[in-house]
Protein backbone atom coordinates (compact mmCIF):
# COMPACT_ATOMS: atom_id res chain seq x y z
CA MET A 1 0.00 0.00 0.00
CA SER A 2 1.35 3.41 -0.96
CA ALA A 3 1.78 6.24 1.54
CA GLU A 4 1.14 8.89 -1.11
CA MET A 5 -1.16 11.76 -0.33
CA VAL A 6 -4.19 12.11 -2.57
CA SER A 7 -5.32 15.64 -3.35
CA ALA A 8 -8.95 16.24 -4.20
CA GLY A 9 -9.01 20.00 -4.66
CA GLU A 10 -8.75 22.96 -2.34
CA HIS A 11 -8.44 22.48 1.40
CA LEU A 12 -11.65 23.00 3.30
CA PRO A 13 -11.65 26.14 5.46
CA ARG A 14 -11.30 25.52 9.17
CA VAL A 15 -12.27 27.86 12.01
CA ALA A 16 -9.78 28.30 14.85
CA GLY A 17 -11.88 30.72 16.90
CA ALA A 18 -15.05 32.79 16.78
CA VAL A 19 -16.31 35.75 18.81
CA PRO A 20 -19.90 37.02 18.72
CA LEU A 21 -20.13 40.78 18.13
CA ASP A 22 -22.98 43.29 18.24
CA GLY A 23 -25.49 43.42 15.40
CA ARG A 24 -25.31 39.67 14.67
CA LYS A 25 -21.75 39.97 13.43
CA VAL A 26 -19.08 37.37 14.19
CA LYS A 27 -15.32 37.71 14.22
CA ILE A 28 -13.84 34.55 12.66
CA MET A 29 -10.23 33.50 13.23
CA TRP A 30 -9.29 30.97 10.54
CA ARG A 31 -6.69 28.24 10.98
CA SER A 32 -4.92 29.80 7.98
CA GLY A 33 -4.13 32.77 10.24
CA GLU A 34 -6.58 35.16 8.57
CA THR A 35 -9.31 36.99 10.46
CA SER A 36 -12.63 38.23 9.13
CA VAL A 37 -15.78 39.86 10.47
CA VAL A 38 -18.99 38.63 8.87
CA ASP A 39 -22.56 39.84 9.23
CA LEU A 40 -24.89 36.89 9.84
CA ALA A 41 -28.09 38.99 10.06
CA PRO A 42 -29.14 38.44 6.41
CA ALA A 43 -28.63 34.67 6.70
CA LEU A 44 -30.47 34.52 10.01
CA ALA A 45 -33.38 36.36 8.40
CA SER A 46 -33.44 34.06 5.37
CA ARG A 47 -33.98 30.69 7.08
CA ARG A 48 -36.71 29.67 9.51
CA VAL A 49 -34.34 27.39 11.42
CA TYR A 50 -32.42 30.48 12.61
CA ILE A 51 -35.46 32.29 14.06
CA PRO A 52 -34.23 31.67 17.64
CA LEU A 53 -30.93 33.47 16.88
CA ARG A 54 -32.50 36.57 15.35
CA ASP A 55 -33.46 38.37 18.57
CA ASN A 56 -32.08 36.23 21.39
CA ASP A 57 -28.78 37.84 22.42
CA GLU A 58 -28.16 35.25 25.14
CA LEU A 59 -28.45 32.39 22.65
CA PHE A 60 -26.29 34.22 20.08
CA ARG A 61 -23.54 34.58 22.71
CA THR A 62 -23.41 30.77 23.14
CA LEU A 63 -21.43 30.74 19.89
CA ARG A 64 -18.55 28.27 19.77
CA VAL A 65 -16.39 26.46 17.22
CA SER A 66 -17.29 22.86 16.39
CA GLU A 67 -14.94 20.09 17.46
CA TYR A 68 -13.21 19.81 14.07
CA GLY A 69 -13.36 23.52 13.18
CA ASN A 70 -15.66 22.83 10.26
CA ALA A 71 -18.49 25.02 11.62
CA ILE A 72 -19.57 27.51 14.23
CA GLU A 73 -22.43 26.40 16.42
CA TRP A 74 -24.83 27.52 19.11
CA ASP A 75 -27.02 25.84 21.68
CA ARG A 76 -30.24 24.30 20.30
CA ASP A 77 -28.25 22.46 17.58
CA LEU A 78 -27.86 25.52 15.34
CA ASP A 79 -24.77 25.89 13.14
CA PHE A 80 -23.16 27.44 10.04
CA SER A 81 -20.54 25.51 8.08
CA ALA A 82 -17.03 26.91 7.67
CA VAL A 83 -17.38 26.54 3.88
CA TRP A 84 -20.44 28.78 3.95
CA LEU A 85 -18.80 31.28 6.32
CA ALA A 86 -15.73 31.55 4.07
CA ARG A 87 -17.98 32.64 1.18
CA LEU A 88 -19.54 35.52 3.11
CA PRO A 89 -18.18 39.00 2.38
CA GLU A 90 -16.48 40.99 5.10
CA ALA A 91 -18.99 43.00 7.12
CA GLU A 92 -16.88 46.14 6.98
CA PHE A 93 -16.06 47.99 3.77
CA SER A 94 -14.01 51.11 4.39
CA ASN A 95 -13.33 54.13 2.24
CA ALA A 96 -9.79 52.80 1.76
CA ASP A 97 -11.28 49.48 0.53
CA PHE A 98 -13.44 51.45 -1.92
CA ARG A 99 -10.41 53.39 -3.22
CA ARG A 100 -8.41 50.15 -3.61
CA ALA A 101 -11.28 48.55 -5.50
CA MET A 102 -11.44 51.48 -7.91
CA GLU A 103 -7.68 51.27 -8.46
CA ARG A 104 -7.75 47.50 -9.09
CA LEU A 105 -10.66 47.93 -11.48
CA GLY A 106 -8.93 50.85 -13.21
CA MET A 107 -12.06 52.94 -12.72
CA THR A 108 -12.48 56.67 -12.92
CA LEU A 109 -15.16 58.46 -10.90
CA ASP A 110 -17.40 58.48 -13.97
CA GLY A 111 -16.78 54.81 -14.74
CA MET A 112 -17.52 53.66 -11.21
CA ALA A 113 -20.62 55.86 -11.09
CA ALA A 114 -21.87 54.28 -14.30
CA ASP A 115 -21.23 50.70 -13.12
CA LEU A 116 -22.87 51.28 -9.73
CA GLU A 117 -25.63 53.44 -11.25
CA ILE A 118 -25.13 56.25 -8.76
CA SER A 119 -23.91 59.82 -9.08
CA ARG A 120 -20.28 60.80 -9.59
CA ARG A 121 -20.60 62.95 -6.48
CA LYS A 122 -21.52 59.89 -4.35
CA ILE A 123 -18.47 58.04 -5.69
CA ALA A 124 -16.28 60.99 -4.67
CA ASP A 125 -17.87 60.93 -1.19
CA TYR A 126 -17.22 57.19 -0.80
CA ARG A 127 -13.60 57.65 -1.86
CA LYS A 128 -13.08 60.26 0.85
CA ALA A 129 -14.99 59.68 4.08
CA GLY A 130 -18.68 59.21 3.34
CA PRO A 131 -20.32 56.16 4.91
CA ILE A 132 -20.61 53.34 2.38
CA PRO A 133 -24.03 51.64 2.36
CA LYS A 134 -24.10 47.84 2.40
CA HIS A 135 -25.58 47.58 -1.08
CA ILE A 136 -22.75 49.68 -2.52
CA ALA A 137 -20.16 47.53 -0.71
CA TYR A 138 -21.79 44.34 -2.04
CA ALA A 139 -22.00 45.74 -5.57
CA THR A 140 -18.35 46.84 -5.46
CA ARG A 141 -17.28 43.39 -4.27
CA TYR A 142 -19.31 41.89 -7.11
CA LEU A 143 -17.50 44.09 -9.63
CA MET A 144 -14.17 42.95 -8.16
CA ARG A 145 -15.09 39.25 -8.40
CA ARG A 146 -16.38 39.68 -11.93
CA ALA A 147 -13.12 41.36 -12.95
CA GLU A 148 -11.04 38.57 -11.35
CA ASP A 149 -13.06 35.76 -12.96
CA PRO A 150 -14.79 37.01 -16.11
CA SER A 151 -16.20 33.55 -17.03
């Protein structure tokens, strides 16, 4: 019998630690060494099974990492897989992130305004210090992903 290692694709993400934050956000520490903050509120609102987590702060604070790091879980047998968590966008999207996205995309103020279907003035605000709404952050991330993988 051979002792060769068989590779079947990318490694599955594993969670090293998780901390519940305000607003149904969670800070995830990955075994890879990376850290991310994800907003679970939309997912909690989209599935009936998560109704207990929506408004129950005490239950939300029971958050822990599963034995093998392949999920985060709460009391009452509620969980989210690490694969699913890894696909969620970061909860925070700063003005610096917005500027970097524009640079990577090679966008001018007019070009970004056209792609996001908002005014040039709003783009200028987001580049400086204006608060970036979630839908603009999501749309900007979408543009970035589309540019990285045009297929």
